[in-house]
Amino acid sequence: MNDKIIQDIFDVSQTFASGKRLLLLFILQSEPMGYTMITKWFERVGIPIGSSEVYKHINCLLENGFITKKGNSYVLTLRGLKAIEAAMDIMNTPPKIPELKLSFKTEK
């Protein structure tokens, strides 16, 4: 693996490492929102989040290219949309256990 791939893995993992950060992507999928609307959304659904925490999540998503800022609103980028699609794919995949078969090789 080259250095860029390793850095990309860390950048993407930072987004998936926080439920609130990933939820923020899902929120922005429906419509662009400013800081105040984002904070009120979290309050309305009963998820406690402080103002500094909102900014921390927004800045991480901005730095890693998952969202961008248009005027006073934050907008999902194509990368952010792909992250949502990947998360949905994971959530919709059943935790099926593979069937394991034992076999013996004979040495010749």
N, C-alpha and C. Protein backbone atom coordinates (compact mmCIF):
# COMPACT_ATOMS: atom_id res chain seq x y z
N MET A 1 0.84 -1.18 0.00
CA MET A 1 0.00 0.00 0.00
C MET A 1 0.88 1.24 0.00
N ASN A 2 0.44 2.22 -0.78
CA ASN A 2 1.22 3.45 -0.79
C ASN A 2 0.72 4.42 0.28
N ASP A 3 1.45 5.51 0.47
CA ASP A 3 1.14 6.47 1.53
C ASP A 3 -0.23 7.11 1.36
N LYS A 4 -0.63 7.39 0.12
CA LYS A 4 -1.93 8.02 -0.13
C LYS A 4 -3.07 7.10 0.30
N ILE A 5 -2.98 5.83 -0.02
CA ILE A 5 -4.04 4.88 0.36
C ILE A 5 -4.13 4.78 1.88
N ILE A 6 -3.00 4.73 2.53
CA ILE A 6 -2.99 4.66 3.99
C ILE A 6 -3.64 5.90 4.59
N GLN A 7 -3.30 7.08 4.07
CA GLN A 7 -3.91 8.33 4.56
C GLN A 7 -5.41 8.35 4.28
N ASP A 8 -5.82 7.88 3.10
CA ASP A 8 -7.25 7.83 2.76
C ASP A 8 -8.01 6.92 3.72
N ILE A 9 -7.42 5.80 4.09
CA ILE A 9 -8.06 4.89 5.04
C ILE A 9 -8.29 5.60 6.38
N PHE A 10 -7.29 6.35 6.84
CA PHE A 10 -7.44 7.09 8.10
C PHE A 10 -8.48 8.19 7.98
N ASP A 11 -8.50 8.90 6.84
CA ASP A 11 -9.48 9.97 6.64
C ASP A 11 -10.91 9.43 6.67
N VAL A 12 -11.14 8.33 5.96
CA VAL A 12 -12.48 7.74 5.91
C VAL A 12 -12.85 7.16 7.27
N SER A 13 -11.89 6.53 7.93
CA SER A 13 -12.20 5.91 9.22
C SER A 13 -12.57 6.95 10.27
N GLN A 14 -12.04 8.16 10.17
CA GLN A 14 -12.41 9.23 11.10
C GLN A 14 -13.90 9.54 10.99
N THR A 15 -14.42 9.50 9.78
CA THR A 15 -15.84 9.78 9.58
C THR A 15 -16.70 8.68 10.17
N PHE A 16 -16.32 7.43 9.93
CA PHE A 16 -17.11 6.31 10.42
C PHE A 16 -16.87 6.03 11.90
N ALA A 17 -15.88 6.67 12.49
CA ALA A 17 -15.57 6.44 13.91
C ALA A 17 -16.54 7.15 14.84
N SER A 18 -17.30 8.09 14.33
CA SER A 18 -18.23 8.86 15.16
C SER A 18 -19.65 8.71 14.64
N GLY A 19 -20.52 8.20 15.48
CA GLY A 19 -21.92 8.08 15.09
C GLY A 19 -22.56 9.42 14.78
N LYS A 20 -22.21 10.44 15.57
CA LYS A 20 -22.77 11.77 15.34
C LYS A 20 -22.28 12.35 14.01
N ARG A 21 -21.01 12.10 13.70
CA ARG A 21 -20.44 12.61 12.45
C ARG A 21 -21.10 11.94 11.25
N LEU A 22 -21.28 10.63 11.34
CA LEU A 22 -21.93 9.91 10.25
C LEU A 22 -23.39 10.33 10.14
N LEU A 23 -24.06 10.52 11.27
CA LEU A 23 -25.44 10.99 11.27
C LEU A 23 -25.54 12.37 10.62
N LEU A 24 -24.56 13.20 10.86
CA LEU A 24 -24.53 14.53 10.25
C LEU A 24 -24.54 14.44 8.72
N LEU A 25 -23.84 13.46 8.17
CA LEU A 25 -23.87 13.26 6.71
C LEU A 25 -25.29 12.90 6.26
N PHE A 26 -25.94 12.01 7.01
CA PHE A 26 -27.31 11.63 6.67
C PHE A 26 -28.26 12.82 6.74
N ILE A 27 -28.05 13.69 7.73
CA ILE A 27 -28.88 14.89 7.88
C ILE A 27 -28.73 15.79 6.66
N LEU A 28 -27.49 16.00 6.24
CA LEU A 28 -27.22 16.91 5.12
C LEU A 28 -27.63 16.32 3.77
N GLN A 29 -27.91 15.03 3.75
CA GLN A 29 -28.36 14.41 2.50
C GLN A 29 -29.71 14.98 2.07
N SER A 30 -30.58 15.27 3.02
CA SER A 30 -31.91 15.74 2.68
C SER A 30 -31.94 17.22 2.28
N GLU A 31 -31.09 18.03 2.90
CA GLU A 31 -31.03 19.44 2.55
C GLU A 31 -29.79 20.10 3.16
N PRO A 32 -29.27 21.14 2.51
CA PRO A 32 -28.17 21.90 3.10
C PRO A 32 -28.65 22.57 4.38
N MET A 33 -27.76 22.65 5.36
CA MET A 33 -28.12 23.26 6.64
C MET A 33 -26.96 24.09 7.16
N GLY A 34 -27.32 25.12 7.92
CA GLY A 34 -26.33 25.91 8.62
C GLY A 34 -26.12 25.34 10.01
N TYR A 35 -25.18 25.90 10.73
CA TYR A 35 -24.84 25.44 12.07
C TYR A 35 -26.07 25.40 12.99
N THR A 36 -26.87 26.47 12.98
CA THR A 36 -28.03 26.54 13.88
C THR A 36 -29.04 25.45 13.57
N MET A 37 -29.31 25.21 12.29
CA MET A 37 -30.27 24.16 11.92
C MET A 37 -29.75 22.78 12.32
N ILE A 38 -28.46 22.56 12.17
CA ILE A 38 -27.86 21.28 12.55
C ILE A 38 -28.02 21.06 14.06
N THR A 39 -27.69 22.09 14.84
CA THR A 39 -27.80 22.00 16.29
C THR A 39 -29.24 21.73 16.72
N LYS A 40 -30.18 22.44 16.10
CA LYS A 40 -31.60 22.24 16.44
C LYS A 40 -32.07 20.85 16.04
N TRP A 41 -31.57 20.29 14.95
CA TRP A 41 -31.95 18.94 14.53
C TRP A 41 -31.54 17.93 15.60
N PHE A 42 -30.30 18.03 16.06
CA PHE A 42 -29.84 17.12 17.12
C PHE A 42 -30.69 17.28 18.39
N GLU A 43 -31.00 18.52 18.76
CA GLU A 43 -31.84 18.76 19.94
C GLU A 43 -33.22 18.14 19.77
N ARG A 44 -33.82 18.33 18.58
CA ARG A 44 -35.17 17.84 18.31
C ARG A 44 -35.28 16.33 18.43
N VAL A 45 -34.23 15.60 18.02
CA VAL A 45 -34.28 14.14 18.10
C VAL A 45 -33.72 13.61 19.42
N GLY A 46 -33.31 14.53 20.30
CA GLY A 46 -32.89 14.13 21.64
C GLY A 46 -31.47 13.61 21.75
N ILE A 47 -30.61 14.02 20.82
CA ILE A 47 -29.20 13.61 20.88
C ILE A 47 -28.40 14.79 21.42
N PRO A 48 -27.84 14.65 22.62
CA PRO A 48 -27.09 15.76 23.20
C PRO A 48 -25.80 16.03 22.43
N ILE A 49 -25.58 17.29 22.10
CA ILE A 49 -24.36 17.68 21.38
C ILE A 49 -24.08 19.15 21.72
N GLY A 50 -22.84 19.42 22.08
CA GLY A 50 -22.44 20.79 22.41
C GLY A 50 -22.01 21.54 21.17
N SER A 51 -21.96 22.86 21.27
CA SER A 51 -21.61 23.67 20.11
C SER A 51 -20.19 23.38 19.63
N SER A 52 -19.26 23.18 20.55
CA SER A 52 -17.88 22.89 20.13
C SER A 52 -17.81 21.52 19.45
N GLU A 53 -18.66 20.59 19.88
CA GLU A 53 -18.68 19.26 19.26
C GLU A 53 -19.23 19.34 17.83
N VAL A 54 -20.26 20.16 17.63
CA VAL A 54 -20.81 20.34 16.27
C VAL A 54 -19.71 20.87 15.36
N TYR A 55 -19.01 21.90 15.80
CA TYR A 55 -17.93 22.47 14.99
C TYR A 55 -16.82 21.46 14.73
N LYS A 56 -16.51 20.65 15.72
CA LYS A 56 -15.47 19.62 15.55
C LYS A 56 -15.86 18.65 14.43
N HIS A 57 -17.12 18.20 14.45
CA HIS A 57 -17.58 17.26 13.42
C HIS A 57 -17.65 17.93 12.04
N ILE A 58 -18.15 19.15 12.00
CA ILE A 58 -18.22 19.88 10.73
C ILE A 58 -16.82 20.05 10.15
N ASN A 59 -15.87 20.48 10.99
CA ASN A 59 -14.50 20.71 10.50
C ASN A 59 -13.86 19.42 9.99
N CYS A 60 -14.09 18.31 10.68
CA CYS A 60 -13.53 17.04 10.23
C CYS A 60 -14.10 16.65 8.87
N LEU A 61 -15.41 16.82 8.71
CA LEU A 61 -16.05 16.49 7.44
C LEU A 61 -15.60 17.42 6.32
N LEU A 62 -15.39 18.69 6.64
CA LEU A 62 -14.88 19.64 5.65
C LEU A 62 -13.46 19.28 5.23
N GLU A 63 -12.60 19.02 6.21
CA GLU A 63 -11.20 18.71 5.95
C GLU A 63 -11.03 17.46 5.09
N ASN A 64 -11.92 16.49 5.27
CA ASN A 64 -11.80 15.23 4.55
C ASN A 64 -12.67 15.18 3.29
N GLY A 65 -13.29 16.30 2.94
CA GLY A 65 -14.01 16.40 1.66
C GLY A 65 -15.37 15.73 1.61
N PHE A 66 -15.98 15.47 2.77
CA PHE A 66 -17.30 14.84 2.78
C PHE A 66 -18.42 15.87 2.66
N ILE A 67 -18.13 17.11 3.09
CA ILE A 67 -19.08 18.22 2.93
C ILE A 67 -18.29 19.43 2.46
N THR A 68 -19.03 20.44 2.00
CA THR A 68 -18.43 21.72 1.65
C THR A 68 -19.37 22.81 2.14
N LYS A 69 -18.90 24.03 2.12
CA LYS A 69 -19.73 25.14 2.60
C LYS A 69 -20.13 25.99 1.41
N LYS A 70 -21.43 26.23 1.30
CA LYS A 70 -21.99 27.12 0.27
C LYS A 70 -22.75 28.22 1.00
N GLY A 71 -22.20 29.41 0.99
CA GLY A 71 -22.82 30.50 1.76
C GLY A 71 -22.74 30.19 3.24
N ASN A 72 -23.90 30.19 3.90
CA ASN A 72 -23.94 29.88 5.33
C ASN A 72 -24.35 28.44 5.60
N SER A 73 -24.45 27.63 4.54
CA SER A 73 -24.92 26.25 4.70
C SER A 73 -23.83 25.25 4.35
N TYR A 74 -23.97 24.08 4.95
CA TYR A 74 -23.08 22.97 4.65
C TYR A 74 -23.81 22.02 3.72
N VAL A 75 -23.09 21.55 2.70
CA VAL A 75 -23.66 20.74 1.64
C VAL A 75 -22.86 19.46 1.51
N LEU A 76 -23.54 18.37 1.26
CA LEU A 76 -22.91 17.08 1.05
C LEU A 76 -22.15 17.09 -0.29
N THR A 77 -20.96 16.53 -0.32
CA THR A 77 -20.22 16.36 -1.57
C THR A 77 -20.49 14.95 -2.11
N LEU A 78 -19.98 14.68 -3.29
CA LEU A 78 -20.12 13.33 -3.86
C LEU A 78 -19.47 12.30 -2.94
N ARG A 79 -18.34 12.67 -2.36
CA ARG A 79 -17.67 11.76 -1.42
C ARG A 79 -18.56 11.48 -0.21
N GLY A 80 -19.24 12.51 0.28
CA GLY A 80 -20.16 12.33 1.40
C GLY A 80 -21.32 11.42 1.03
N LEU A 81 -21.84 11.59 -0.18
CA LEU A 81 -22.93 10.74 -0.65
C LEU A 81 -22.48 9.29 -0.74
N LYS A 82 -21.28 9.07 -1.24
CA LYS A 82 -20.74 7.70 -1.35
C LYS A 82 -20.55 7.10 0.05
N ALA A 83 -20.17 7.91 1.02
CA ALA A 83 -20.03 7.43 2.40
C ALA A 83 -21.38 6.97 2.94
N ILE A 84 -22.43 7.74 2.65
CA ILE A 84 -23.78 7.36 3.08
C ILE A 84 -24.19 6.05 2.41
N GLU A 85 -23.94 5.95 1.11
CA GLU A 85 -24.29 4.73 0.39
C GLU A 85 -23.56 3.52 0.95
N ALA A 86 -22.28 3.69 1.27
CA ALA A 86 -21.50 2.58 1.84
C ALA A 86 -22.05 2.20 3.21
N ALA A 87 -22.39 3.20 4.02
CA ALA A 87 -22.94 2.93 5.35
C ALA A 87 -24.28 2.20 5.23
N MET A 88 -25.11 2.61 4.28
CA MET A 88 -26.40 1.94 4.07
C MET A 88 -26.19 0.50 3.63
N ASP A 89 -25.21 0.29 2.77
CA ASP A 89 -24.91 -1.07 2.31
C ASP A 89 -24.49 -1.95 3.49
N ILE A 90 -23.65 -1.42 4.36
CA ILE A 90 -23.22 -2.16 5.54
C ILE A 90 -24.40 -2.43 6.45
N MET A 91 -25.24 -1.42 6.69
CA MET A 91 -26.39 -1.59 7.60
C MET A 91 -27.40 -2.61 7.05
N ASN A 92 -27.49 -2.71 5.73
CA ASN A 92 -28.46 -3.62 5.11
C ASN A 92 -27.89 -5.01 4.84
N THR A 93 -26.64 -5.24 5.20
CA THR A 93 -26.02 -6.55 4.99
C THR A 93 -26.20 -7.39 6.25
N PRO A 94 -26.84 -8.55 6.10
CA PRO A 94 -27.02 -9.39 7.28
C PRO A 94 -25.69 -9.97 7.77
N PRO A 95 -25.57 -10.16 9.07
CA PRO A 95 -24.32 -10.71 9.62
C PRO A 95 -24.26 -12.22 9.46
N LYS A 96 -24.33 -12.66 8.23
CA LYS A 96 -24.34 -14.09 7.94
C LYS A 96 -22.94 -14.67 8.14
N ILE A 97 -22.91 -15.80 8.78
CA ILE A 97 -21.65 -16.48 9.05
C ILE A 97 -21.34 -17.42 7.88
N PRO A 98 -20.14 -17.35 7.35
CA PRO A 98 -19.82 -18.23 6.22
C PRO A 98 -19.73 -19.69 6.67
N GLU A 99 -20.03 -20.56 5.77
CA GLU A 99 -19.91 -21.99 6.05
C GLU A 99 -18.45 -22.39 5.85
N LEU A 100 -17.90 -23.03 6.85
CA LEU A 100 -16.51 -23.46 6.77
C LEU A 100 -16.47 -24.96 6.55
N LYS A 101 -15.62 -25.38 5.66
CA LYS A 101 -15.47 -26.80 5.39
C LYS A 101 -14.02 -27.18 5.63
N LEU A 102 -13.85 -28.28 6.31
CA LEU A 102 -12.50 -28.78 6.55
C LEU A 102 -12.14 -29.77 5.45
N SER A 103 -10.92 -29.72 5.07
CA SER A 103 -10.45 -30.72 4.10
C SER A 103 -9.02 -31.09 4.48
N PHE A 104 -8.68 -32.28 4.13
CA PHE A 104 -7.34 -32.77 4.41
C PHE A 104 -6.62 -32.98 3.09
N LYS A 105 -5.41 -32.51 3.05
CA LYS A 105 -4.59 -32.71 1.85
C LYS A 105 -3.66 -33.88 2.14
N THR A 106 -3.52 -34.69 1.19
CA THR A 106 -2.57 -35.77 1.34
C THR A 106 -1.28 -35.36 0.64
N GLU A 107 -0.22 -35.64 1.31
CA GLU A 107 1.08 -35.32 0.72
C GLU A 107 1.49 -36.46 -0.20
N LYS A 108 2.06 -36.09 -1.30
CA LYS A 108 2.49 -37.10 -2.29
C LYS A 108 3.95 -37.34 -2.21
